[in-house]
Amino acid sequence: MLRLIVFILALLAPAAALARPIPIKVVVVIAFEIGKDTGDAAGELQLWVERFPATETVNIPGVERPARLTKDGVLVINTGMFGRARTSLSSLIVDPRFDLSRAYWLMAGIAGVDPKAGSIGSAAWSDWVVDGDPLYEIDDREIIAGWPWGLYAANSNGPGEKGDHAGASGMAWRLDPGLTRWAFEQTRNIPLADNAHLAADRAGYPEEPAAQKPPHVFVGASLGTVRFWHGELRTRWARDWVRVQTDGQGVLAMTDGEDQAVLDTLTLFASSKRVDPRRVLILRTASNYSRPGAGKPNRITFADGGLEAGVEAAYRVGAPVVKGLVAGWSTYADTIPQGAAK
């Protein structure tokens, strides 16, 4: 009988070894792809697949499209846009095949840029992520006299008050300052794509010096909402919302649909030790401005070449950071890299 038990355990040992979770060093999070993963017009995923490269596919229950995996522990996940990002990230985190306890997270995707902060084709490392979803809304045509707009924080008396974060784990997350500085220092001098179309779009903002700069890398806050918005008044609201929710420490740079989902989800899972939300980097690249330039209609559209420039910048700036984390894993597995203190 004892020999039989020993024999059975011996047979099971290889299966147990195979079931060991794959240690992931970096998770690259993107939100959409236009068509196929390779060989056609590129969305946020395609350059990572073709250039990094990330060729092995893995299906994760609850995630619409297969994730991509490299032999050195980089996982690229297409979460889907807006609210779907929460479900996809949660599905990944609870998947027993992966050990994400020491993984770094890079959200790398396109966004709208506030012309006061930067220019189309540029890339911003987020120092703050602010959630613009849990709020009260009144049609602007019906707001109380003296109010600038009809969007205001939950359980507040009106615009300009901080309120609370009903329905979320927070309203503002400050990303690890040292890690953000480190990423910026690694990438600040990377040349970004520019062309006549982008230059023409920049020319529509003569009163905004930052909007007229050629594409470059900088640092600023990102605002996440599950709705597309556009225009001068909503941009003013967004600036004020970021200011209020960060107690004056954050300055709006980029607007997008998923960053708040990333931070909320990782924060919720932190207590389980499955993930470490200190190891989060957010990289947003400008495919359009958050308000129209001179003489253009107030309509949500990509500028000519804006999508392509944003997708290109996300890879050009994001990939060196991912490769740097992997190359330095003997140190970075246990010690979060830190940039020079200000």
C-alpha atoms as a PDB file:
ATOM      1  CA  MET A   1       0.000   0.000   0.000  1.00  0.00           C
ATOM      2  CA  LEU A   2       2.804   2.386   0.912  1.00  0.00           C
ATOM      3  CA  ARG A   3       4.533   1.687  -2.404  1.00  0.00           C
ATOM      4  CA  LEU A   4       1.294   2.482  -4.245  1.00  0.00           C
ATOM      5  CA  ILE A   5       0.982   5.835  -2.470  1.00  0.00           C
ATOM      6  CA  VAL A   6       4.599   6.700  -3.274  1.00  0.00           C
ATOM      7  CA  PHE A   7       4.042   5.745  -6.914  1.00  0.00           C
ATOM      8  CA  ILE A   8       0.911   7.926  -7.187  1.00  0.00           C
ATOM      9  CA  LEU A   9       2.701  10.885  -5.613  1.00  0.00           C
ATOM     10  CA  ALA A  10       5.565  10.453  -8.067  1.00  0.00           C
ATOM     11  CA  LEU A  11       3.123  10.550 -10.964  1.00  0.00           C
ATOM     12  CA  LEU A  12       1.478  13.688  -9.621  1.00  0.00           C
ATOM     13  CA  ALA A  13       4.743  15.559  -8.985  1.00  0.00           C
ATOM     14  CA  PRO A  14       5.308  16.672 -12.618  1.00  0.00           C
ATOM     15  CA  ALA A  15       1.717  17.904 -12.851  1.00  0.00           C
ATOM     16  CA  ALA A  16       2.198  19.956  -9.702  1.00  0.00           C
ATOM     17  CA  ALA A  17       5.379  21.422 -11.121  1.00  0.00           C
ATOM     18  CA  LEU A  18       3.616  22.334 -14.352  1.00  0.00           C
ATOM     19  CA  ALA A  19       0.860  24.029 -12.372  1.00  0.00           C
ATOM     20  CA  ARG A  20       3.259  26.489 -10.783  1.00  0.00           C
ATOM     21  CA  PRO A  21       2.181  30.051 -11.660  1.00  0.00           C
ATOM     22  CA  ILE A  22       4.217  31.851 -14.297  1.00  0.00           C
ATOM     23  CA  PRO A  23       6.078  34.744 -12.653  1.00  0.00           C
ATOM     24  CA  ILE A  24       5.235  37.914 -14.564  1.00  0.00           C
ATOM     25  CA  LYS A  25       7.693  40.800 -14.515  1.00  0.00           C
ATOM     26  CA  VAL A  26       5.708  43.428 -16.426  1.00  0.00           C
ATOM     27  CA  VAL A  27       2.084  43.645 -17.520  1.00  0.00           C
ATOM     28  CA  VAL A  28       1.538  45.989 -20.459  1.00  0.00           C
ATOM     29  CA  VAL A  29      -2.088  47.148 -20.487  1.00  0.00           C
ATOM     30  CA  ILE A  30      -3.654  48.461 -23.673  1.00  0.00           C
ATOM     31  CA  ALA A  31      -7.323  49.124 -24.364  1.00  0.00           C
ATOM     32  CA  PHE A  32      -8.053  48.512 -28.040  1.00  0.00           C
ATOM     33  CA  GLU A  33      -6.929  47.155 -31.358  1.00  0.00           C
ATOM     34  CA  ILE A  34      -8.484  48.234 -34.652  1.00  0.00           C
ATOM     35  CA  GLY A  35      -8.598  44.954 -36.544  1.00  0.00           C
ATOM     36  CA  LYS A  36      -6.232  42.014 -36.349  1.00  0.00           C
ATOM     37  CA  ASP A  37      -3.340  41.891 -33.901  1.00  0.00           C
ATOM     38  CA  THR A  38      -0.818  42.097 -36.747  1.00  0.00           C
ATOM     39  CA  GLY A  39      -0.534  43.139 -40.354  1.00  0.00           C
ATOM     40  CA  ASP A  40      -3.130  45.891 -40.683  1.00  0.00           C
ATOM     41  CA  ALA A  41      -3.817  49.386 -39.309  1.00  0.00           C
ATOM     42  CA  ALA A  42      -2.320  49.496 -35.838  1.00  0.00           C
ATOM     43  CA  GLY A  43      -4.238  50.169 -32.661  1.00  0.00           C
ATOM     44  CA  GLU A  44      -2.572  50.154 -29.254  1.00  0.00           C
ATOM     45  CA  LEU A  45      -1.627  46.452 -29.331  1.00  0.00           C
ATOM     46  CA  GLN A  46      -0.099  45.808 -32.726  1.00  0.00           C
ATOM     47  CA  LEU A  47       3.326  47.413 -32.287  1.00  0.00           C
ATOM     48  CA  TRP A  48       3.900  45.452 -29.083  1.00  0.00           C
ATOM     49  CA  VAL A  49       3.127  42.210 -30.901  1.00  0.00           C
ATOM     50  CA  GLU A  50       5.253  42.963 -33.955  1.00  0.00           C
ATOM     51  CA  ARG A  51       8.183  44.917 -32.567  1.00  0.00           C
ATOM     52  CA  PHE A  52       8.700  43.890 -28.957  1.00  0.00           C
ATOM     53  CA  PRO A  53       7.847  41.136 -29.960  1.00  0.00           C
ATOM     54  CA  ALA A  54       5.085  39.377 -28.015  1.00  0.00           C
ATOM     55  CA  THR A  55       4.059  36.424 -30.143  1.00  0.00           C
ATOM     56  CA  GLU A  56       2.790  33.686 -27.794  1.00  0.00           C
ATOM     57  CA  THR A  57      -0.956  33.888 -27.183  1.00  0.00           C
ATOM     58  CA  VAL A  58      -2.843  32.891 -24.058  1.00  0.00           C
ATOM     59  CA  ASN A  59      -6.601  32.934 -23.555  1.00  0.00           C
ATOM     60  CA  ILE A  60      -7.830  34.369 -20.255  1.00  0.00           C
ATOM     61  CA  PRO A  61     -11.463  33.668 -19.313  1.00  0.00           C
ATOM     62  CA  GLY A  62     -13.380  36.935 -19.149  1.00  0.00           C
ATOM     63  CA  VAL A  63     -11.037  38.756 -21.557  1.00  0.00           C
ATOM     64  CA  GLU A  64     -12.296  39.195 -25.111  1.00  0.00           C
ATOM     65  CA  ARG A  65      -9.011  38.876 -26.982  1.00  0.00           C
ATOM     66  CA  PRO A  66      -6.017  36.641 -26.268  1.00  0.00           C
ATOM     67  CA  ALA A  67      -3.226  38.126 -24.181  1.00  0.00           C
ATOM     68  CA  ARG A  68       0.359  37.994 -25.386  1.00  0.00           C
ATOM     69  CA  LEU A  69       3.257  36.509 -23.434  1.00  0.00           C
ATOM     70  CA  THR A  70       7.024  36.635 -23.872  1.00  0.00           C
ATOM     71  CA  LYS A  71       9.606  34.137 -22.656  1.00  0.00           C
ATOM     72  CA  ASP A  72      11.122  36.689 -20.274  1.00  0.00           C
ATOM     73  CA  GLY A  73       7.915  37.339 -18.359  1.00  0.00           C
ATOM     74  CA  VAL A  74       6.180  40.235 -20.106  1.00  0.00           C
ATOM     75  CA  LEU A  75       2.417  39.897 -20.535  1.00  0.00           C
ATOM     76  CA  VAL A  76       0.496  42.218 -22.862  1.00  0.00           C
ATOM     77  CA  ILE A  77      -3.259  42.396 -22.278  1.00  0.00           C
ATOM     78  CA  ASN A  78      -5.886  44.100 -24.410  1.00  0.00           C
ATOM     79  CA  THR A  79      -8.526  44.881 -21.798  1.00  0.00           C
ATOM     80  CA  GLY A  80     -11.099  46.529 -24.010  1.00  0.00           C
ATOM     81  CA  MET A  81     -12.107  50.134 -23.552  1.00  0.00           C
ATOM     82  CA  PHE A  82     -13.757  52.008 -20.688  1.00  0.00           C
ATOM     83  CA  GLY A  83     -15.593  49.917 -18.079  1.00  0.00           C
ATOM     84  CA  ARG A  84     -14.506  46.624 -19.622  1.00  0.00           C
ATOM     85  CA  ALA A  85     -10.955  47.312 -18.397  1.00  0.00           C
ATOM     86  CA  ARG A  86     -12.015  46.524 -14.816  1.00  0.00           C
ATOM     87  CA  THR A  87     -13.447  43.129 -15.748  1.00  0.00           C
ATOM     88  CA  SER A  88     -10.473  42.161 -17.890  1.00  0.00           C
ATOM     89  CA  LEU A  89      -7.895  43.147 -15.284  1.00  0.00           C
ATOM     90  CA  SER A  90      -9.806  41.317 -12.565  1.00  0.00           C
ATOM     91  CA  SER A  91      -9.931  38.209 -14.753  1.00  0.00           C
ATOM     92  CA  LEU A  92      -6.174  38.358 -15.225  1.00  0.00           C
ATOM     93  CA  ILE A  93      -5.428  38.939 -11.548  1.00  0.00           C
ATOM     94  CA  VAL A  94      -7.438  35.938 -10.340  1.00  0.00           C
ATOM     95  CA  ASP A  95      -6.130  33.613 -13.066  1.00  0.00           C
ATOM     96  CA  PRO A  96      -4.091  30.998 -11.147  1.00  0.00           C
ATOM     97  CA  ARG A  97      -1.660  30.537 -14.045  1.00  0.00           C
ATOM     98  CA  PHE A  98       0.075  33.841 -13.324  1.00  0.00           C
ATOM     99  CA  ASP A  99       2.043  35.164 -10.364  1.00  0.00           C
ATOM    100  CA  LEU A 100       1.587  38.945 -10.488  1.00  0.00           C
ATOM    101  CA  SER A 101       2.761  39.680  -6.956  1.00  0.00           C
ATOM    102  CA  ARG A 102       5.926  41.464  -8.106  1.00  0.00           C
ATOM    103  CA  ALA A 103       4.757  42.562 -11.539  1.00  0.00           C
ATOM    104  CA  TYR A 104       5.059  46.126 -12.749  1.00  0.00           C
ATOM    105  CA  TRP A 105       2.069  47.498 -14.629  1.00  0.00           C
ATOM    106  CA  LEU A 106       2.346  49.807 -17.623  1.00  0.00           C
ATOM    107  CA  MET A 107      -0.831  51.313 -19.038  1.00  0.00           C
ATOM    108  CA  ALA A 108       0.231  52.509 -22.489  1.00  0.00           C
ATOM    109  CA  GLY A 109      -2.440  54.109 -24.637  1.00  0.00           C
ATOM    110  CA  ILE A 110      -3.661  57.118 -26.542  1.00  0.00           C
ATOM    111  CA  ALA A 111      -5.538  60.040 -25.018  1.00  0.00           C
ATOM    112  CA  GLY A 112      -6.683  63.592 -25.501  1.00  0.00           C
ATOM    113  CA  VAL A 113      -4.257  66.278 -24.358  1.00  0.00           C
ATOM    114  CA  ASP A 114      -5.144  69.581 -22.736  1.00  0.00           C
ATOM    115  CA  PRO A 115      -3.573  72.222 -25.011  1.00  0.00           C
ATOM    116  CA  LYS A 116      -2.422  74.079 -21.914  1.00  0.00           C
ATOM    117  CA  ALA A 117      -0.290  71.064 -20.984  1.00  0.00           C
ATOM    118  CA  GLY A 118       1.102  69.552 -24.164  1.00  0.00           C
ATOM    119  CA  SER A 119       0.852  68.893 -27.874  1.00  0.00           C
ATOM    120  CA  ILE A 120      -0.514  66.258 -30.192  1.00  0.00           C
ATOM    121  CA  GLY A 121       1.871  63.322 -30.624  1.00  0.00           C
ATOM    122  CA  SER A 122       3.422  63.913 -27.190  1.00  0.00           C
ATOM    123  CA  ALA A 123       3.702  61.396 -24.347  1.00  0.00           C
ATOM    124  CA  ALA A 124       2.987  62.045 -20.674  1.00  0.00           C
ATOM    125  CA  TRP A 125       3.935  59.947 -17.679  1.00  0.00           C
ATOM    126  CA  SER A 126       1.120  60.360 -15.168  1.00  0.00           C
ATOM    127  CA  ASP A 127       2.002  61.547 -11.696  1.00  0.00           C
ATOM    128  CA  TRP A 128      -1.675  61.463 -10.704  1.00  0.00           C
ATOM    129  CA  VAL A 129      -4.671  59.491 -11.938  1.00  0.00           C
ATOM    130  CA  VAL A 130      -8.045  61.092 -11.236  1.00  0.00           C
ATOM    131  CA  ASP A 131     -11.451  59.450 -11.617  1.00  0.00           C
ATOM    132  CA  GLY A 132     -14.045  61.634 -13.326  1.00  0.00           C
ATOM    133  CA  ASP A 133     -16.919  59.148 -13.187  1.00  0.00           C
ATOM    134  CA  PRO A 134     -18.546  59.035  -9.713  1.00  0.00           C
ATOM    135  CA  LEU A 135     -20.288  62.408  -9.779  1.00  0.00           C
ATOM    136  CA  TYR A 136     -23.636  64.159  -9.941  1.00  0.00           C
ATOM    137  CA  GLU A 137     -24.794  65.688 -13.221  1.00  0.00           C
ATOM    138  CA  ILE A 138     -27.331  68.381 -14.055  1.00  0.00           C
ATOM    139  CA  ASP A 139     -27.883  69.608 -17.596  1.00  0.00           C
ATOM    140  CA  ASP A 140     -25.798  72.776 -18.021  1.00  0.00           C
ATOM    141  CA  ARG A 141     -28.894  74.596 -19.298  1.00  0.00           C
ATOM    142  CA  GLU A 142     -30.616  74.023 -15.965  1.00  0.00           C
ATOM    143  CA  ILE A 143     -27.839  74.645 -13.450  1.00  0.00           C
ATOM    144  CA  ILE A 144     -28.086  76.970 -10.466  1.00  0.00           C
ATOM    145  CA  ALA A 145     -27.160  80.578 -11.181  1.00  0.00           C
ATOM    146  CA  GLY A 146     -23.455  81.123 -10.661  1.00  0.00           C
ATOM    147  CA  TRP A 147     -22.431  77.532 -11.277  1.00  0.00           C
ATOM    148  CA  PRO A 148     -19.850  77.096 -14.079  1.00  0.00           C
ATOM    149  CA  TRP A 149     -21.192  73.659 -15.091  1.00  0.00           C
ATOM    150  CA  GLY A 150     -23.521  70.893 -13.995  1.00  0.00           C
ATOM    151  CA  LEU A 151     -20.938  68.269 -13.015  1.00  0.00           C
ATOM    152  CA  TYR A 152     -20.048  68.077  -9.327  1.00  0.00           C
ATOM    153  CA  ALA A 153     -18.752  65.585  -6.792  1.00  0.00           C
ATOM    154  CA  ALA A 154     -20.968  63.043  -5.050  1.00  0.00           C
ATOM    155  CA  ASN A 155     -22.203  64.219  -1.658  1.00  0.00           C
ATOM    156  CA  SER A 156     -21.056  67.784  -2.267  1.00  0.00           C
ATOM    157  CA  ASN A 157     -23.041  71.005  -2.552  1.00  0.00           C
ATOM    158  CA  GLY A 158     -21.800  71.941  -6.000  1.00  0.00           C
ATOM    159  CA  PRO A 159     -18.784  72.494  -8.268  1.00  0.00           C
ATOM    160  CA  GLY A 160     -15.486  73.192  -6.536  1.00  0.00           C
ATOM    161  CA  GLU A 161     -16.142  70.874  -3.571  1.00  0.00           C
ATOM    162  CA  LYS A 162     -14.244  67.608  -3.205  1.00  0.00           C
ATOM    163  CA  GLY A 163     -17.158  65.420  -2.113  1.00  0.00           C
ATOM    164  CA  ASP A 164     -16.412  61.717  -1.771  1.00  0.00           C
ATOM    165  CA  HIS A 165     -15.630  58.694  -3.908  1.00  0.00           C
ATOM    166  CA  ALA A 166     -18.919  56.817  -3.702  1.00  0.00           C
ATOM    167  CA  GLY A 167     -18.711  53.712  -5.866  1.00  0.00           C
ATOM    168  CA  ALA A 168     -14.923  53.629  -6.207  1.00  0.00           C
ATOM    169  CA  SER A 169     -11.851  52.906  -4.076  1.00  0.00           C
ATOM    170  CA  GLY A 170     -10.731  56.494  -4.534  1.00  0.00           C
ATOM    171  CA  MET A 171     -11.033  59.600  -6.668  1.00  0.00           C
ATOM    172  CA  ALA A 172      -7.340  60.390  -7.018  1.00  0.00           C
ATOM    173  CA  TRP A 173      -4.286  58.170  -6.876  1.00  0.00           C
ATOM    174  CA  ARG A 174      -0.778  59.549  -6.686  1.00  0.00           C
ATOM    175  CA  LEU A 175       1.539  57.166  -8.489  1.00  0.00           C
ATOM    176  CA  ASP A 176       4.877  56.316  -6.912  1.00  0.00           C
ATOM    177  CA  PRO A 177       6.817  59.561  -7.495  1.00  0.00           C
ATOM    178  CA  GLY A 178      10.222  57.908  -7.675  1.00  0.00           C
ATOM    179  CA  LEU A 179       9.109  55.256 -10.154  1.00  0.00           C
ATOM    180  CA  THR A 180       7.422  57.871 -12.333  1.00  0.00           C
ATOM    181  CA  ARG A 181      10.559  60.036 -12.282  1.00  0.00           C
ATOM    182  CA  TRP A 182      12.678  57.017 -13.160  1.00  0.00           C
ATOM    183  CA  ALA A 183      10.504  56.219 -16.183  1.00  0.00           C
ATOM    184  CA  PHE A 184      10.569  59.848 -17.290  1.00  0.00           C
ATOM    185  CA  GLU A 185      14.348  60.034 -16.966  1.00  0.00           C
ATOM    186  CA  GLN A 186      14.740  56.901 -19.096  1.00  0.00           C
ATOM    187  CA  THR A 187      12.630  58.338 -21.892  1.00  0.00           C
ATOM    188  CA  ARG A 188      12.681  62.134 -21.781  1.00  0.00           C
ATOM    189  CA  ASN A 189      14.961  62.473 -24.820  1.00  0.00           C
ATOM    190  CA  ILE A 190      13.333  59.870 -27.060  1.00  0.00           C
ATOM    191  CA  PRO A 191      12.473  61.471 -30.425  1.00  0.00           C
ATOM    192  CA  LEU A 192       8.786  61.208 -31.275  1.00  0.00           C
ATOM    193  CA  ALA A 193       7.137  61.160 -34.682  1.00  0.00           C
ATOM    194  CA  ASP A 194       6.162  64.503 -36.205  1.00  0.00           C
ATOM    195  CA  ASN A 195       4.769  65.497 -39.580  1.00  0.00           C
ATOM    196  CA  ALA A 196       3.030  68.297 -41.462  1.00  0.00           C
ATOM    197  CA  HIS A 197      -0.436  67.167 -40.347  1.00  0.00           C
ATOM    198  CA  LEU A 198       0.493  67.395 -36.666  1.00  0.00           C
ATOM    199  CA  ALA A 199       2.191  70.753 -37.196  1.00  0.00           C
ATOM    200  CA  ALA A 200      -0.953  72.089 -38.878  1.00  0.00           C
ATOM    201  CA  ASP A 201      -3.072  70.925 -35.953  1.00  0.00           C
ATOM    202  CA  ARG A 202      -0.703  72.580 -33.465  1.00  0.00           C
ATOM    203  CA  ALA A 203      -1.035  75.849 -35.329  1.00  0.00           C
ATOM    204  CA  GLY A 204      -4.688  76.042 -34.290  1.00  0.00           C
ATOM    205  CA  TYR A 205      -3.679  76.909 -30.706  1.00  0.00           C
ATOM    206  CA  PRO A 206      -1.660  80.130 -31.058  1.00  0.00           C
ATOM    207  CA  GLU A 207      -2.521  81.223 -27.506  1.00  0.00           C
ATOM    208  CA  GLU A 208      -1.203  77.994 -25.932  1.00  0.00           C
ATOM    209  CA  PRO A 209       2.615  77.671 -26.021  1.00  0.00           C
ATOM    210  CA  ALA A 210       2.555  74.063 -24.788  1.00  0.00           C
ATOM    211  CA  ALA A 211       0.189  73.031 -27.588  1.00  0.00           C
ATOM    212  CA  GLN A 212       2.589  74.318 -30.240  1.00  0.00           C
ATOM    213  CA  LYS A 213       5.653  72.379 -29.137  1.00  0.00           C
ATOM    214  CA  PRO A 214       6.777  69.456 -31.291  1.00  0.00           C
ATOM    215  CA  PRO A 215       5.967  66.053 -29.778  1.00  0.00           C
ATOM    216  CA  HIS A 216       7.905  65.448 -26.575  1.00  0.00           C
ATOM    217  CA  VAL A 217       7.835  63.516 -23.292  1.00  0.00           C
ATOM    218  CA  PHE A 218       6.631  65.193 -20.106  1.00  0.00           C
ATOM    219  CA  VAL A 219       4.855  64.510 -16.790  1.00  0.00           C
ATOM    220  CA  GLY A 220       1.276  65.413 -15.846  1.00  0.00           C
ATOM    221  CA  ALA A 221      -1.999  64.137 -14.431  1.00  0.00           C
ATOM    222  CA  SER A 222      -4.462  61.949 -16.308  1.00  0.00           C
ATOM    223  CA  LEU A 223      -8.233  62.094 -15.931  1.00  0.00           C
ATOM    224  CA  GLY A 224     -10.216  58.931 -16.635  1.00  0.00           C
ATOM    225  CA  THR A 225     -13.902  58.845 -17.565  1.00  0.00           C
ATOM    226  CA  VAL A 226     -16.021  56.187 -19.269  1.00  0.00           C
ATOM    227  CA  ARG A 227     -17.470  58.802 -21.600  1.00  0.00           C
ATOM    228  CA  PHE A 228     -15.869  60.708 -24.449  1.00  0.00           C
ATOM    229  CA  TRP A 229     -16.085  64.440 -23.897  1.00  0.00           C
ATOM    230  CA  HIS A 230     -14.704  67.418 -25.792  1.00  0.00           C
ATOM    231  CA  GLY A 231     -14.727  71.203 -25.821  1.00  0.00           C
ATOM    232  CA  GLU A 232     -13.533  74.329 -24.038  1.00  0.00           C
ATOM    233  CA  LEU A 233     -16.068  74.198 -21.196  1.00  0.00           C
ATOM    234  CA  ARG A 234     -15.512  70.525 -20.442  1.00  0.00           C
ATOM    235  CA  THR A 235     -11.754  71.080 -20.552  1.00  0.00           C
ATOM    236  CA  ARG A 236     -12.149  73.838 -17.966  1.00  0.00           C
ATOM    237  CA  TRP A 237     -14.214  71.449 -15.858  1.00  0.00           C
ATOM    238  CA  ALA A 238     -11.539  68.756 -16.179  1.00  0.00           C
ATOM    239  CA  ARG A 239      -8.759  71.099 -15.076  1.00  0.00           C
ATOM    240  CA  ASP A 240     -10.771  72.159 -12.057  1.00  0.00           C
ATOM    241  CA  TRP A 241     -11.803  68.598 -11.202  1.00  0.00           C
ATOM    242  CA  VAL A 242      -8.173  67.427 -11.197  1.00  0.00           C
ATOM    243  CA  ARG A 243      -7.133  70.418  -9.096  1.00  0.00           C
ATOM    244  CA  VAL A 244      -9.854  69.846  -6.508  1.00  0.00           C
ATOM    245  CA  GLN A 245      -9.495  66.065  -6.263  1.00  0.00           C
ATOM    246  CA  THR A 246      -5.694  66.253  -5.853  1.00  0.00           C
ATOM    247  CA  ASP A 247      -5.834  69.124  -3.349  1.00  0.00           C
ATOM    248  CA  GLY A 248      -4.071  71.365  -5.835  1.00  0.00           C
ATOM    249  CA  GLN A 249      -1.155  68.994  -6.453  1.00  0.00           C
ATOM    250  CA  GLY A 250      -2.159  67.650  -9.867  1.00  0.00           C
ATOM    251  CA  VAL A 251      -2.305  69.499 -13.192  1.00  0.00           C
ATOM    252  CA  LEU A 252      -4.414  68.058 -16.000  1.00  0.00           C
ATOM    253  CA  ALA A 253      -2.443  66.739 -18.959  1.00  0.00           C
ATOM    254  CA  MET A 254      -4.250  63.774 -20.541  1.00  0.00           C
ATOM    255  CA  THR A 255      -7.856  62.567 -20.720  1.00  0.00           C
ATOM    256  CA  ASP A 256      -8.727  58.926 -21.312  1.00  0.00           C
ATOM    257  CA  GLY A 257     -11.188  56.162 -20.504  1.00  0.00           C
ATOM    258  CA  GLU A 258      -9.329  53.490 -18.527  1.00  0.00           C
ATOM    259  CA  ASP A 259      -6.714  54.819 -16.085  1.00  0.00           C
ATOM    260  CA  GLN A 260      -9.222  55.120 -13.270  1.00  0.00           C
ATOM    261  CA  ALA A 261     -10.249  51.497 -13.860  1.00  0.00           C
ATOM    262  CA  VAL A 262      -6.637  50.335 -13.670  1.00  0.00           C
ATOM    263  CA  LEU A 263      -5.937  52.095 -10.373  1.00  0.00           C
ATOM    264  CA  ASP A 264      -9.280  51.205  -8.820  1.00  0.00           C
ATOM    265  CA  THR A 265      -8.899  47.517  -9.675  1.00  0.00           C
ATOM    266  CA  LEU A 266      -5.296  47.204  -8.517  1.00  0.00           C
ATOM    267  CA  THR A 267      -6.127  49.048  -5.305  1.00  0.00           C
ATOM    268  CA  LEU A 268      -8.987  46.661  -4.561  1.00  0.00           C
ATOM    269  CA  PHE A 269      -6.760  43.613  -5.083  1.00  0.00           C
ATOM    270  CA  ALA A 270      -3.807  45.004  -3.104  1.00  0.00           C
ATOM    271  CA  SER A 271      -4.943  43.539   0.214  1.00  0.00           C
ATOM    272  CA  SER A 272      -4.841  40.037  -1.280  1.00  0.00           C
ATOM    273  CA  LYS A 273      -1.120  40.502  -2.085  1.00  0.00           C
ATOM    274  CA  ARG A 274      -1.827  39.356  -5.635  1.00  0.00           C
ATOM    275  CA  VAL A 275      -0.640  42.725  -6.972  1.00  0.00           C
ATOM    276  CA  ASP A 276       1.396  45.690  -5.765  1.00  0.00           C
ATOM    277  CA  PRO A 277      -0.226  48.994  -6.821  1.00  0.00           C
ATOM    278  CA  ARG A 278       2.990  50.862  -6.040  1.00  0.00           C
ATOM    279  CA  ARG A 279       4.396  49.298  -9.204  1.00  0.00           C
ATOM    280  CA  VAL A 280       2.108  51.123 -11.610  1.00  0.00           C
ATOM    281  CA  LEU A 281       3.127  53.372 -14.485  1.00  0.00           C
ATOM    282  CA  ILE A 282       0.647  55.231 -16.672  1.00  0.00           C
ATOM    283  CA  LEU A 283       1.812  56.427 -20.084  1.00  0.00           C
ATOM    284  CA  ARG A 284      -0.629  58.415 -22.179  1.00  0.00           C
ATOM    285  CA  THR A 285       0.072  59.724 -25.663  1.00  0.00           C
ATOM    286  CA  ALA A 286      -1.854  62.483 -27.406  1.00  0.00           C
ATOM    287  CA  SER A 287      -3.880  61.519 -30.463  1.00  0.00           C
ATOM    288  CA  ASN A 288      -5.999  64.693 -30.271  1.00  0.00           C
ATOM    289  CA  TYR A 289      -6.590  67.814 -28.203  1.00  0.00           C
ATOM    290  CA  SER A 290      -9.326  68.021 -25.587  1.00  0.00           C
ATOM    291  CA  ARG A 291     -10.852  71.054 -27.283  1.00  0.00           C
ATOM    292  CA  PRO A 292     -10.963  72.205 -30.903  1.00  0.00           C
ATOM    293  CA  GLY A 293      -8.424  74.584 -32.363  1.00  0.00           C
ATOM    294  CA  ALA A 294      -9.223  77.883 -34.015  1.00  0.00           C
ATOM    295  CA  GLY A 295     -11.840  77.597 -36.750  1.00  0.00           C
ATOM    296  CA  LYS A 296     -12.678  73.948 -36.097  1.00  0.00           C
ATOM    297  CA  PRO A 297     -16.098  72.582 -35.076  1.00  0.00           C
ATOM    298  CA  ASN A 298     -16.625  71.358 -31.537  1.00  0.00           C
ATOM    299  CA  ARG A 299     -16.787  67.718 -32.536  1.00  0.00           C
ATOM    300  CA  ILE A 300     -14.864  64.684 -31.278  1.00  0.00           C
ATOM    301  CA  THR A 301     -12.482  63.657 -34.054  1.00  0.00           C
ATOM    302  CA  PHE A 302      -8.891  62.547 -34.445  1.00  0.00           C
ATOM    303  CA  ALA A 303      -6.599  65.007 -36.163  1.00  0.00           C
ATOM    304  CA  ASP A 304      -5.049  63.775 -39.398  1.00  0.00           C
ATOM    305  CA  GLY A 305      -2.258  61.449 -38.315  1.00  0.00           C
ATOM    306  CA  GLY A 306      -3.086  61.839 -34.626  1.00  0.00           C
ATOM    307  CA  LEU A 307      -4.043  58.227 -33.985  1.00  0.00           C
ATOM    308  CA  GLU A 308      -0.949  56.919 -35.734  1.00  0.00           C
ATOM    309  CA  ALA A 309       1.324  59.352 -33.882  1.00  0.00           C
ATOM    310  CA  GLY A 310      -0.200  58.467 -30.525  1.00  0.00           C
ATOM    311  CA  VAL A 311       0.110  54.727 -31.076  1.00  0.00           C
ATOM    312  CA  GLU A 312       3.708  55.122 -32.241  1.00  0.00           C
ATOM    313  CA  ALA A 313       4.641  57.281 -29.247  1.00  0.00           C
ATOM    314  CA  ALA A 314       3.120  54.803 -26.793  1.00  0.00           C
ATOM    315  CA  TYR A 315       5.399  52.067 -28.070  1.00  0.00           C
ATOM    316  CA  ARG A 316       8.512  54.200 -28.540  1.00  0.00           C
ATOM    317  CA  VAL A 317       8.338  55.542 -25.003  1.00  0.00           C
ATOM    318  CA  GLY A 318       6.858  52.508 -23.258  1.00  0.00           C
ATOM    319  CA  ALA A 319       9.017  49.714 -24.665  1.00  0.00           C
ATOM    320  CA  PRO A 320      12.391  50.967 -23.318  1.00  0.00           C
ATOM    321  CA  VAL A 321      10.929  51.145 -19.812  1.00  0.00           C
ATOM    322  CA  VAL A 322       9.583  47.590 -20.024  1.00  0.00           C
ATOM    323  CA  LYS A 323      12.908  46.325 -21.359  1.00  0.00           C
ATOM    324  CA  GLY A 324      14.750  48.216 -18.620  1.00  0.00           C
ATOM    325  CA  LEU A 325      12.651  46.609 -15.896  1.00  0.00           C
ATOM    326  CA  VAL A 326      13.255  43.140 -17.340  1.00  0.00           C
ATOM    327  CA  ALA A 327      16.994  43.724 -17.806  1.00  0.00           C
ATOM    328  CA  GLY A 328      17.332  44.939 -14.223  1.00  0.00           C
ATOM    329  CA  TRP A 329      15.101  42.263 -12.708  1.00  0.00           C
ATOM    330  CA  SER A 330      17.772  41.013 -10.311  1.00  0.00           C
ATOM    331  CA  THR A 331      17.336  44.377  -8.579  1.00  0.00           C
ATOM    332  CA  TYR A 332      13.845  45.494  -9.564  1.00  0.00           C
ATOM    333  CA  ALA A 333      12.117  42.288  -8.485  1.00  0.00           C
ATOM    334  CA  ASP A 334      12.491  43.454  -4.896  1.00  0.00           C
ATOM    335  CA  THR A 335      13.379  47.145  -5.206  1.00  0.00           C
ATOM    336  CA  ILE A 336      11.245  49.642  -7.116  1.00  0.00           C
ATOM    337  CA  PRO A 337      13.503  51.849  -9.262  1.00  0.00           C
ATOM    338  CA  GLN A 338      13.624  55.474  -8.209  1.00  0.00           C
ATOM    339  CA  GLY A 339      14.498  58.548 -10.234  1.00  0.00           C
ATOM    340  CA  ALA A 340      16.520  61.437  -8.914  1.00  0.00           C
ATOM    341  CA  ALA A 341      14.721  63.359  -6.182  1.00  0.00           C
ATOM    342  CA  LYS A 342      13.530  66.807  -7.144  1.00  0.00           C
END
